[in-house]
Amino acid sequence: MMTITESNDNDLRRLIFDKERVVVKFVDETCPLCKALAPAFARFSTDPTFKHITFVRMNAAENPVSSKEVKMSGTPFFAIYRHATLVDCGIISTEEALKELLLKLK
């Protein structure tokens, strides 16, 4: 069973090199959409379909380096990495869009 890793600017660099596939959810604690998508993100992290993906959550305000790296333009902002390379990123507002993003890492 996969869990969601809380990360920061320093740890993210190590994580994307250590793990083949990583999805990062950048959140703002005051963002209602971030809270609304949290159950889906947690559910996908335990879904056997996505067992090969490392799920990471980061506070956008506390991690300016990573936020700038992916050119974060708002929250909830998701970034996916494969072999330490940014594959795709953007603001996601629905569970279906999140699932489509995760399927790009299969």
PDB file of N, CA and C in Angstrom:
ATOM      1  N   MET A   1       0.830  -1.190   0.000  1.00  0.00           N
ATOM      2  CA  MET A   1       0.000   0.000   0.000  1.00  0.00           C
ATOM      3  C   MET A   1       0.873   1.251   0.000  1.00  0.00           C
ATOM      4  N   MET A   2       0.616   2.118  -0.926  1.00  0.00           N
ATOM      5  CA  MET A   2       1.405   3.338  -1.083  1.00  0.00           C
ATOM      6  C   MET A   2       0.876   4.417  -0.148  1.00  0.00           C
ATOM      7  N   THR A   3       1.759   5.251   0.295  1.00  0.00           N
ATOM      8  CA  THR A   3       1.337   6.406   1.078  1.00  0.00           C
ATOM      9  C   THR A   3       1.807   7.663   0.371  1.00  0.00           C
ATOM     10  N   ILE A   4       1.341   8.777   0.864  1.00  0.00           N
ATOM     11  CA  ILE A   4       1.749  10.055   0.279  1.00  0.00           C
ATOM     12  C   ILE A   4       2.914  10.586   1.099  1.00  0.00           C
ATOM     13  N   THR A   5       3.994  10.920   0.422  1.00  0.00           N
ATOM     14  CA  THR A   5       5.182  11.444   1.070  1.00  0.00           C
ATOM     15  C   THR A   5       5.094  12.960   1.146  1.00  0.00           C
ATOM     16  N   GLU A   6       5.274  13.507   2.342  1.00  0.00           N
ATOM     17  CA  GLU A   6       5.377  14.962   2.485  1.00  0.00           C
ATOM     18  C   GLU A   6       6.813  15.312   2.122  1.00  0.00           C
ATOM     19  N   SER A   7       6.995  16.336   1.315  1.00  0.00           N
ATOM     20  CA  SER A   7       8.348  16.655   0.866  1.00  0.00           C
ATOM     21  C   SER A   7       8.613  18.149   0.930  1.00  0.00           C
ATOM     22  N   ASN A   8       9.861  18.491   0.634  1.00  0.00           N
ATOM     23  CA  ASN A   8      10.269  19.890   0.562  1.00  0.00           C
ATOM     24  C   ASN A   8      11.269  20.036  -0.578  1.00  0.00           C
ATOM     25  N   ASP A   9      11.731  21.254  -0.787  1.00  0.00           N
ATOM     26  CA  ASP A   9      12.646  21.513  -1.904  1.00  0.00           C
ATOM     27  C   ASP A   9      13.846  20.560  -1.905  1.00  0.00           C
ATOM     28  N   ASN A  10      14.478  20.349  -0.753  1.00  0.00           N
ATOM     29  CA  ASN A  10      15.674  19.498  -0.687  1.00  0.00           C
ATOM     30  C   ASN A  10      15.356  18.038  -0.977  1.00  0.00           C
ATOM     31  N   ASP A  11      14.296  17.527  -0.363  1.00  0.00           N
ATOM     32  CA  ASP A  11      13.956  16.121  -0.533  1.00  0.00           C
ATOM     33  C   ASP A  11      13.444  15.776  -1.928  1.00  0.00           C
ATOM     34  N   LEU A  12      12.760  16.729  -2.562  1.00  0.00           N
ATOM     35  CA  LEU A  12      12.185  16.434  -3.877  1.00  0.00           C
ATOM     36  C   LEU A  12      13.259  16.065  -4.887  1.00  0.00           C
ATOM     37  N   ARG A  13      14.358  16.776  -4.879  1.00  0.00           N
ATOM     38  CA  ARG A  13      15.458  16.492  -5.813  1.00  0.00           C
ATOM     39  C   ARG A  13      15.901  15.039  -5.653  1.00  0.00           C
ATOM     40  N   ARG A  14      16.105  14.588  -4.410  1.00  0.00           N
ATOM     41  CA  ARG A  14      16.529  13.215  -4.150  1.00  0.00           C
ATOM     42  C   ARG A  14      15.457  12.229  -4.596  1.00  0.00           C
ATOM     43  N   LEU A  15      14.199  12.537  -4.276  1.00  0.00           N
ATOM     44  CA  LEU A  15      13.091  11.642  -4.617  1.00  0.00           C
ATOM     45  C   LEU A  15      12.978  11.395  -6.120  1.00  0.00           C
ATOM     46  N   ILE A  16      13.072  12.459  -6.913  1.00  0.00           N
ATOM     47  CA  ILE A  16      12.877  12.260  -8.357  1.00  0.00           C
ATOM     48  C   ILE A  16      14.044  11.511  -8.995  1.00  0.00           C
ATOM     49  N   PHE A  17      15.209  11.499  -8.324  1.00  0.00           N
ATOM     50  CA  PHE A  17      16.327  10.698  -8.828  1.00  0.00           C
ATOM     51  C   PHE A  17      16.261   9.266  -8.306  1.00  0.00           C
ATOM     52  N   ASP A  18      15.722   9.086  -7.098  1.00  0.00           N
ATOM     53  CA  ASP A  18      15.624   7.753  -6.496  1.00  0.00           C
ATOM     54  C   ASP A  18      14.473   6.923  -7.069  1.00  0.00           C
ATOM     55  N   LYS A  19      13.383   7.574  -7.393  1.00  0.00           N
ATOM     56  CA  LYS A  19      12.171   6.880  -7.840  1.00  0.00           C
ATOM     57  C   LYS A  19      11.976   7.093  -9.341  1.00  0.00           C
ATOM     58  N   GLU A  20      11.564   6.054 -10.026  1.00  0.00           N
ATOM     59  CA  GLU A  20      11.413   6.148 -11.485  1.00  0.00           C
ATOM     60  C   GLU A  20      10.277   7.086 -11.890  1.00  0.00           C
ATOM     61  N   ARG A  21       9.149   7.000 -11.172  1.00  0.00           N
ATOM     62  CA  ARG A  21       7.979   7.813 -11.520  1.00  0.00           C
ATOM     63  C   ARG A  21       7.453   8.515 -10.272  1.00  0.00           C
ATOM     64  N   VAL A  22       7.290   9.825 -10.379  1.00  0.00           N
ATOM     65  CA  VAL A  22       6.860  10.634  -9.229  1.00  0.00           C
ATOM     66  C   VAL A  22       5.780  11.612  -9.664  1.00  0.00           C
ATOM     67  N   VAL A  23       4.734  11.748  -8.831  1.00  0.00           N
ATOM     68  CA  VAL A  23       3.738  12.798  -9.030  1.00  0.00           C
ATOM     69  C   VAL A  23       3.793  13.689  -7.792  1.00  0.00           C
ATOM     70  N   VAL A  24       3.862  15.003  -8.027  1.00  0.00           N
ATOM     71  CA  VAL A  24       3.921  15.967  -6.932  1.00  0.00           C
ATOM     72  C   VAL A  24       2.671  16.827  -6.968  1.00  0.00           C
ATOM     73  N   LYS A  25       2.020  16.919  -5.816  1.00  0.00           N
ATOM     74  CA  LYS A  25       0.864  17.805  -5.672  1.00  0.00           C
ATOM     75  C   LYS A  25       1.327  19.001  -4.847  1.00  0.00           C
ATOM     76  N   PHE A  26       1.335  20.181  -5.480  1.00  0.00           N
ATOM     77  CA  PHE A  26       1.660  21.420  -4.770  1.00  0.00           C
ATOM     78  C   PHE A  26       0.358  22.008  -4.259  1.00  0.00           C
ATOM     79  N   VAL A  27       0.290  22.253  -2.961  1.00  0.00           N
ATOM     80  CA  VAL A  27      -0.951  22.744  -2.377  1.00  0.00           C
ATOM     81  C   VAL A  27      -0.741  24.055  -1.630  1.00  0.00           C
ATOM     82  N   ASP A  28      -1.839  24.725  -1.428  1.00  0.00           N
ATOM     83  CA  ASP A  28      -1.920  25.925  -0.606  1.00  0.00           C
ATOM     84  C   ASP A  28      -2.978  25.581   0.433  1.00  0.00           C
ATOM     85  N   GLU A  29      -2.655  25.729   1.688  1.00  0.00           N
ATOM     86  CA  GLU A  29      -3.574  25.313   2.756  1.00  0.00           C
ATOM     87  C   GLU A  29      -4.915  26.049   2.708  1.00  0.00           C
ATOM     88  N   THR A  30      -4.976  27.187   2.018  1.00  0.00           N
ATOM     89  CA  THR A  30      -6.227  27.949   1.950  1.00  0.00           C
ATOM     90  C   THR A  30      -7.019  27.670   0.669  1.00  0.00           C
ATOM     91  N   CYS A  31      -6.522  26.754  -0.141  1.00  0.00           N
ATOM     92  CA  CYS A  31      -7.139  26.460  -1.438  1.00  0.00           C
ATOM     93  C   CYS A  31      -8.256  25.417  -1.295  1.00  0.00           C
ATOM     94  N   PRO A  32      -9.520  25.806  -1.550  1.00  0.00           N
ATOM     95  CA  PRO A  32     -10.620  24.848  -1.404  1.00  0.00           C
ATOM     96  C   PRO A  32     -10.517  23.671  -2.381  1.00  0.00           C
ATOM     97  N   LEU A  33     -10.016  23.927  -3.592  1.00  0.00           N
ATOM     98  CA  LEU A  33      -9.867  22.868  -4.588  1.00  0.00           C
ATOM     99  C   LEU A  33      -8.806  21.852  -4.155  1.00  0.00           C
ATOM    100  N   CYS A  34      -7.753  22.335  -3.500  1.00  0.00           N
ATOM    101  CA  CYS A  34      -6.717  21.423  -2.989  1.00  0.00           C
ATOM    102  C   CYS A  34      -7.334  20.445  -2.005  1.00  0.00           C
ATOM    103  N   LYS A  35      -8.174  20.978  -1.112  1.00  0.00           N
ATOM    104  CA  LYS A  35      -8.839  20.131  -0.116  1.00  0.00           C
ATOM    105  C   LYS A  35      -9.813  19.178  -0.791  1.00  0.00           C
ATOM    106  N   ALA A  36     -10.516  19.652  -1.818  1.00  0.00           N
ATOM    107  CA  ALA A  36     -11.505  18.822  -2.519  1.00  0.00           C
ATOM    108  C   ALA A  36     -10.839  17.647  -3.244  1.00  0.00           C
ATOM    109  N   LEU A  37      -9.631  17.852  -3.766  1.00  0.00           N
ATOM    110  CA  LEU A  37      -8.932  16.793  -4.507  1.00  0.00           C
ATOM    111  C   LEU A  37      -8.124  15.860  -3.599  1.00  0.00           C
ATOM    112  N   ALA A  38      -7.963  16.230  -2.339  1.00  0.00           N
ATOM    113  CA  ALA A  38      -7.147  15.423  -1.424  1.00  0.00           C
ATOM    114  C   ALA A  38      -7.626  13.972  -1.308  1.00  0.00           C
ATOM    115  N   PRO A  39      -8.940  13.709  -1.171  1.00  0.00           N
ATOM    116  CA  PRO A  39      -9.368  12.299  -1.083  1.00  0.00           C
ATOM    117  C   PRO A  39      -9.048  11.498  -2.343  1.00  0.00           C
ATOM    118  N   ALA A  40      -9.196  12.095  -3.509  1.00  0.00           N
ATOM    119  CA  ALA A  40      -8.887  11.389  -4.759  1.00  0.00           C
ATOM    120  C   ALA A  40      -7.390  11.100  -4.844  1.00  0.00           C
ATOM    121  N   PHE A  41      -6.559  12.070  -4.469  1.00  0.00           N
ATOM    122  CA  PHE A  41      -5.107  11.898  -4.499  1.00  0.00           C
ATOM    123  C   PHE A  41      -4.721  10.746  -3.562  1.00  0.00           C
ATOM    124  N   ALA A  42      -5.319  10.712  -2.383  1.00  0.00           N
ATOM    125  CA  ALA A  42      -5.044   9.639  -1.424  1.00  0.00           C
ATOM    126  C   ALA A  42      -5.512   8.287  -1.962  1.00  0.00           C
ATOM    127  N   ARG A  43      -6.676   8.268  -2.571  1.00  0.00           N
ATOM    128  CA  ARG A  43      -7.218   7.019  -3.115  1.00  0.00           C
ATOM    129  C   ARG A  43      -6.330   6.499  -4.252  1.00  0.00           C
ATOM    130  N   PHE A  44      -5.915   7.390  -5.148  1.00  0.00           N
ATOM    131  CA  PHE A  44      -5.045   6.961  -6.256  1.00  0.00           C
ATOM    132  C   PHE A  44      -3.710   6.429  -5.719  1.00  0.00           C
ATOM    133  N   SER A  45      -3.242   6.981  -4.601  1.00  0.00           N
ATOM    134  CA  SER A  45      -1.948   6.539  -4.056  1.00  0.00           C
ATOM    135  C   SER A  45      -1.992   5.096  -3.561  1.00  0.00           C
ATOM    136  N   THR A  46      -3.201   4.579  -3.306  1.00  0.00           N
ATOM    137  CA  THR A  46      -3.327   3.185  -2.862  1.00  0.00           C
ATOM    138  C   THR A  46      -3.905   2.276  -3.950  1.00  0.00           C
ATOM    139  N   ASP A  47      -4.195   2.845  -5.116  1.00  0.00           N
ATOM    140  CA  ASP A  47      -4.770   2.090  -6.234  1.00  0.00           C
ATOM    141  C   ASP A  47      -3.673   1.246  -6.891  1.00  0.00           C
ATOM    142  N   PRO A  48      -3.894  -0.069  -7.031  1.00  0.00           N
ATOM    143  CA  PRO A  48      -2.886  -0.940  -7.662  1.00  0.00           C
ATOM    144  C   PRO A  48      -2.481  -0.490  -9.068  1.00  0.00           C
ATOM    145  N   THR A  49      -3.374   0.200  -9.759  1.00  0.00           N
ATOM    146  CA  THR A  49      -3.063   0.700 -11.109  1.00  0.00           C
ATOM    147  C   THR A  49      -1.856   1.633 -11.082  1.00  0.00           C
ATOM    148  N   PHE A  50      -1.695   2.347  -9.975  1.00  0.00           N
ATOM    149  CA  PHE A  50      -0.642   3.366  -9.893  1.00  0.00           C
ATOM    150  C   PHE A  50       0.440   2.996  -8.869  1.00  0.00           C
ATOM    151  N   LYS A  51       0.598   1.699  -8.584  1.00  0.00           N
ATOM    152  CA  LYS A  51       1.545   1.273  -7.547  1.00  0.00           C
ATOM    153  C   LYS A  51       3.002   1.611  -7.889  1.00  0.00           C
ATOM    154  N   HIS A  52       3.286   1.829  -9.149  1.00  0.00           N
ATOM    155  CA  HIS A  52       4.652   2.140  -9.580  1.00  0.00           C
ATOM    156  C   HIS A  52       4.975   3.638  -9.464  1.00  0.00           C
ATOM    157  N   ILE A  53       4.008   4.445  -9.002  1.00  0.00           N
ATOM    158  CA  ILE A  53       4.188   5.895  -8.905  1.00  0.00           C
ATOM    159  C   ILE A  53       4.381   6.285  -7.443  1.00  0.00           C
ATOM    160  N   THR A  54       5.349   7.160  -7.186  1.00  0.00           N
ATOM    161  CA  THR A  54       5.551   7.714  -5.848  1.00  0.00           C
ATOM    162  C   THR A  54       4.736   9.005  -5.757  1.00  0.00           C
ATOM    163  N   PHE A  55       3.847   9.063  -4.783  1.00  0.00           N
ATOM    164  CA  PHE A  55       2.968  10.222  -4.588  1.00  0.00           C
ATOM    165  C   PHE A  55       3.585  11.159  -3.552  1.00  0.00           C
ATOM    166  N   VAL A  56       3.698  12.427  -3.929  1.00  0.00           N
ATOM    167  CA  VAL A  56       4.352  13.426  -3.073  1.00  0.00           C
ATOM    168  C   VAL A  56       3.446  14.645  -2.929  1.00  0.00           C
ATOM    169  N   ARG A  57       3.414  15.196  -1.730  1.00  0.00           N
ATOM    170  CA  ARG A  57       2.635  16.406  -1.468  1.00  0.00           C
ATOM    171  C   ARG A  57       3.592  17.462  -0.931  1.00  0.00           C
ATOM    172  N   MET A  58       3.476  18.671  -1.451  1.00  0.00           N
ATOM    173  CA  MET A  58       4.331  19.769  -1.001  1.00  0.00           C
ATOM    174  C   MET A  58       3.509  21.028  -0.788  1.00  0.00           C
ATOM    175  N   ASN A  59       3.872  21.787   0.225  1.00  0.00           N
ATOM    176  CA  ASN A  59       3.251  23.084   0.453  1.00  0.00           C
ATOM    177  C   ASN A  59       3.935  24.066  -0.491  1.00  0.00           C
ATOM    178  N   ALA A  60       3.160  24.654  -1.386  1.00  0.00           N
ATOM    179  CA  ALA A  60       3.725  25.537  -2.422  1.00  0.00           C
ATOM    180  C   ALA A  60       4.456  26.735  -1.817  1.00  0.00           C
ATOM    181  N   ALA A  61       3.867  27.369  -0.811  1.00  0.00           N
ATOM    182  CA  ALA A  61       4.450  28.574  -0.222  1.00  0.00           C
ATOM    183  C   ALA A  61       5.775  28.294   0.488  1.00  0.00           C
ATOM    184  N   GLU A  62       5.902  27.100   1.051  1.00  0.00           N
ATOM    185  CA  GLU A  62       7.112  26.759   1.808  1.00  0.00           C
ATOM    186  C   GLU A  62       8.229  26.207   0.933  1.00  0.00           C
ATOM    187  N   ASN A  63       7.966  25.989  -0.339  1.00  0.00           N
ATOM    188  CA  ASN A  63       8.954  25.376  -1.234  1.00  0.00           C
ATOM    189  C   ASN A  63       9.082  26.168  -2.533  1.00  0.00           C
ATOM    190  N   PRO A  64       9.629  27.381  -2.446  1.00  0.00           N
ATOM    191  CA  PRO A  64       9.692  28.257  -3.621  1.00  0.00           C
ATOM    192  C   PRO A  64      10.565  27.742  -4.758  1.00  0.00           C
ATOM    193  N   VAL A  65      11.606  26.980  -4.448  1.00  0.00           N
ATOM    194  CA  VAL A  65      12.506  26.489  -5.496  1.00  0.00           C
ATOM    195  C   VAL A  65      11.765  25.523  -6.420  1.00  0.00           C
ATOM    196  N   SER A  66      11.110  24.523  -5.824  1.00  0.00           N
ATOM    197  CA  SER A  66      10.372  23.546  -6.622  1.00  0.00           C
ATOM    198  C   SER A  66       9.201  24.195  -7.343  1.00  0.00           C
ATOM    199  N   SER A  67       8.508  25.102  -6.658  1.00  0.00           N
ATOM    200  CA  SER A  67       7.368  25.791  -7.268  1.00  0.00           C
ATOM    201  C   SER A  67       7.813  26.574  -8.499  1.00  0.00           C
ATOM    202  N   LYS A  68       8.973  27.228  -8.397  1.00  0.00           N
ATOM    203  CA  LYS A  68       9.491  28.017  -9.531  1.00  0.00           C
ATOM    204  C   LYS A  68       9.947  27.096 -10.659  1.00  0.00           C
ATOM    205  N   GLU A  69      10.566  25.979 -10.303  1.00  0.00           N
ATOM    206  CA  GLU A  69      11.081  25.022 -11.292  1.00  0.00           C
ATOM    207  C   GLU A  69       9.995  24.537 -12.244  1.00  0.00           C
ATOM    208  N   VAL A  70       8.803  24.296 -11.707  1.00  0.00           N
ATOM    209  CA  VAL A  70       7.718  23.791 -12.549  1.00  0.00           C
ATOM    210  C   VAL A  70       6.832  24.929 -13.075  1.00  0.00           C
ATOM    211  N   LYS A  71       7.272  26.177 -12.794  1.00  0.00           N
ATOM    212  CA  LYS A  71       6.523  27.370 -13.241  1.00  0.00           C
ATOM    213  C   LYS A  71       5.076  27.322 -12.742  1.00  0.00           C
ATOM    214  N   MET A  72       4.955  27.029 -11.455  1.00  0.00           N
ATOM    215  CA  MET A  72       3.637  26.912 -10.843  1.00  0.00           C
ATOM    216  C   MET A  72       2.854  28.214 -11.004  1.00  0.00           C
ATOM    217  N   SER A  73       1.614  28.070 -11.450  1.00  0.00           N
ATOM    218  CA  SER A  73       0.794  29.249 -11.745  1.00  0.00           C
ATOM    219  C   SER A  73      -0.458  29.325 -10.882  1.00  0.00           C
ATOM    220  N   GLY A  74      -0.552  28.457  -9.889  1.00  0.00           N
ATOM    221  CA  GLY A  74      -1.718  28.417  -9.016  1.00  0.00           C
ATOM    222  C   GLY A  74      -1.812  27.048  -8.386  1.00  0.00           C
ATOM    223  N   THR A  75      -2.820  26.841  -7.569  1.00  0.00           N
ATOM    224  CA  THR A  75      -2.984  25.538  -6.925  1.00  0.00           C
ATOM    225  C   THR A  75      -4.413  25.057  -7.104  1.00  0.00           C
ATOM    226  N   PRO A  76      -4.678  23.762  -7.068  1.00  0.00           N
ATOM    227  CA  PRO A  76      -3.697  22.686  -6.901  1.00  0.00           C
ATOM    228  C   PRO A  76      -2.920  22.456  -8.198  1.00  0.00           C
ATOM    229  N   PHE A  77      -1.624  22.412  -8.059  1.00  0.00           N
ATOM    230  CA  PHE A  77      -0.723  22.275  -9.196  1.00  0.00           C
ATOM    231  C   PHE A  77      -0.050  20.921  -9.086  1.00  0.00           C
ATOM    232  N   PHE A  78      -0.046  20.178 -10.167  1.00  0.00           N
ATOM    233  CA  PHE A  78       0.546  18.844 -10.179  1.00  0.00           C
ATOM    234  C   PHE A  78       1.690  18.794 -11.177  1.00  0.00           C
ATOM    235  N   ALA A  79       2.742  18.048 -10.819  1.00  0.00           N
ATOM    236  CA  ALA A  79       3.870  17.839 -11.726  1.00  0.00           C
ATOM    237  C   ALA A  79       4.202  16.352 -11.712  1.00  0.00           C
ATOM    238  N   ILE A  80       4.470  15.800 -12.886  1.00  0.00           N
ATOM    239  CA  ILE A  80       4.867  14.391 -12.954  1.00  0.00           C
ATOM    240  C   ILE A  80       6.274  14.289 -13.539  1.00  0.00           C
ATOM    241  N   TYR A  81       7.048  13.386 -12.934  1.00  0.00           N
ATOM    242  CA  TYR A  81       8.440  13.164 -13.332  1.00  0.00           C
ATOM    243  C   TYR A  81       8.646  11.706 -13.682  1.00  0.00           C
ATOM    244  N   ARG A  82       9.447  11.461 -14.711  1.00  0.00           N
ATOM    245  CA  ARG A  82       9.897  10.107 -15.050  1.00  0.00           C
ATOM    246  C   ARG A  82      11.399  10.178 -15.239  1.00  0.00           C
ATOM    247  N   HIS A  83      12.124   9.332 -14.522  1.00  0.00           N
ATOM    248  CA  HIS A  83      13.595   9.311 -14.576  1.00  0.00           C
ATOM    249  C   HIS A  83      14.164  10.715 -14.350  1.00  0.00           C
ATOM    250  N   ALA A  84      13.645  11.409 -13.326  1.00  0.00           N
ATOM    251  CA  ALA A  84      14.119  12.737 -12.902  1.00  0.00           C
ATOM    252  C   ALA A  84      13.852  13.843 -13.913  1.00  0.00           C
ATOM    253  N   THR A  85      13.021  13.581 -14.917  1.00  0.00           N
ATOM    254  CA  THR A  85      12.692  14.586 -15.922  1.00  0.00           C
ATOM    255  C   THR A  85      11.222  14.971 -15.798  1.00  0.00           C
ATOM    256  N   LEU A  86      10.956  16.259 -15.800  1.00  0.00           N
ATOM    257  CA  LEU A  86       9.576  16.733 -15.746  1.00  0.00           C
ATOM    258  C   LEU A  86       8.867  16.329 -17.031  1.00  0.00           C
ATOM    259  N   VAL A  87       7.791  15.562 -16.918  1.00  0.00           N
ATOM    260  CA  VAL A  87       7.045  15.071 -18.070  1.00  0.00           C
ATOM    261  C   VAL A  87       5.886  16.010 -18.410  1.00  0.00           C
ATOM    262  N   ASP A  88       5.167  16.441 -17.373  1.00  0.00           N
ATOM    263  CA  ASP A  88       4.001  17.293 -17.580  1.00  0.00           C
ATOM    264  C   ASP A  88       3.672  17.973 -16.262  1.00  0.00           C
ATOM    265  N   CYS A  89       2.992  19.112 -16.353  1.00  0.00           N
ATOM    266  CA  CYS A  89       2.568  19.787 -15.133  1.00  0.00           C
ATOM    267  C   CYS A  89       1.459  20.774 -15.458  1.00  0.00           C
ATOM    268  N   GLY A  90       0.713  21.143 -14.442  1.00  0.00           N
ATOM    269  CA  GLY A  90      -0.346  22.120 -14.622  1.00  0.00           C
ATOM    270  C   GLY A  90      -1.342  22.095 -13.479  1.00  0.00           C
ATOM    271  N   ILE A  91      -2.260  23.041 -13.533  1.00  0.00           N
ATOM    272  CA  ILE A  91      -3.326  23.110 -12.536  1.00  0.00           C
ATOM    273  C   ILE A  91      -4.372  22.068 -12.908  1.00  0.00           C
ATOM    274  N   ILE A  92      -4.792  21.304 -11.926  1.00  0.00           N
ATOM    275  CA  ILE A  92      -5.805  20.276 -12.149  1.00  0.00           C
ATOM    276  C   ILE A  92      -6.959  20.536 -11.195  1.00  0.00           C
ATOM    277  N   SER A  93      -8.170  20.494 -11.737  1.00  0.00           N
ATOM    278  CA  SER A  93      -9.320  20.837 -10.900  1.00  0.00           C
ATOM    279  C   SER A  93     -10.329  19.709 -10.745  1.00  0.00           C
ATOM    280  N   THR A  94     -10.106  18.577 -11.446  1.00  0.00           N
ATOM    281  CA  THR A  94     -11.061  17.463 -11.328  1.00  0.00           C
ATOM    282  C   THR A  94     -10.323  16.150 -11.100  1.00  0.00           C
ATOM    283  N   GLU A  95     -11.031  15.214 -10.507  1.00  0.00           N
ATOM    284  CA  GLU A  95     -10.477  13.889 -10.273  1.00  0.00           C
ATOM    285  C   GLU A  95     -10.134  13.210 -11.596  1.00  0.00           C
ATOM    286  N   GLU A  96     -10.987  13.400 -12.595  1.00  0.00           N
ATOM    287  CA  GLU A  96     -10.756  12.775 -13.910  1.00  0.00           C
ATOM    288  C   GLU A  96      -9.463  13.300 -14.544  1.00  0.00           C
ATOM    289  N   ALA A  97      -9.234  14.598 -14.445  1.00  0.00           N
ATOM    290  CA  ALA A  97      -8.005  15.194 -15.006  1.00  0.00           C
ATOM    291  C   ALA A  97      -6.774  14.679 -14.267  1.00  0.00           C
ATOM    292  N   LEU A  98      -6.903  14.487 -12.974  1.00  0.00           N
ATOM    293  CA  LEU A  98      -5.796  13.937 -12.190  1.00  0.00           C
ATOM    294  C   LEU A  98      -5.495  12.509 -12.639  1.00  0.00           C
ATOM    295  N   LYS A  99      -6.525  11.727 -12.850  1.00  0.00           N
ATOM    296  CA  LYS A  99      -6.337  10.343 -13.302  1.00  0.00           C
ATOM    297  C   LYS A  99      -5.656  10.314 -14.669  1.00  0.00           C
ATOM    298  N   GLU A 100      -6.067  11.187 -15.574  1.00  0.00           N
ATOM    299  CA  GLU A 100      -5.452  11.258 -16.918  1.00  0.00           C
ATOM    300  C   GLU A 100      -3.960  11.578 -16.791  1.00  0.00           C
ATOM    301  N   LEU A 101      -3.624  12.500 -15.888  1.00  0.00           N
ATOM    302  CA  LEU A 101      -2.216  12.861 -15.689  1.00  0.00           C
ATOM    303  C   LEU A 101      -1.439  11.650 -15.186  1.00  0.00           C
ATOM    304  N   LEU A 102      -1.992  10.939 -14.225  1.00  0.00           N
ATOM    305  CA  LEU A 102      -1.313   9.757 -13.666  1.00  0.00           C
ATOM    306  C   LEU A 102      -1.133   8.669 -14.726  1.00  0.00           C
ATOM    307  N   LEU A 103      -2.115   8.532 -15.612  1.00  0.00           N
ATOM    308  CA  LEU A 103      -2.014   7.509 -16.663  1.00  0.00           C
ATOM    309  C   LEU A 103      -0.858   7.792 -17.621  1.00  0.00           C
ATOM    310  N   LYS A 104      -0.406   9.046 -17.711  1.00  0.00           N
ATOM    311  CA  LYS A 104       0.747   9.377 -18.553  1.00  0.00           C
ATOM    312  C   LYS A 104       2.026   8.751 -18.004  1.00  0.00           C
ATOM    313  N   LEU A 105       2.027   8.382 -16.741  1.00  0.00           N
ATOM    314  CA  LEU A 105       3.205   7.776 -16.133  1.00  0.00           C
ATOM    315  C   LEU A 105       3.201   6.253 -16.183  1.00  0.00           C
ATOM    316  N   LYS A 106       2.143   5.649 -16.716  1.00  0.00           N
ATOM    317  CA  LYS A 106       2.059   4.175 -16.753  1.00  0.00           C
ATOM    318  C   LYS A 106       3.112   3.585 -17.654  1.00  0.00           C
TER     319      LYS A 106
END
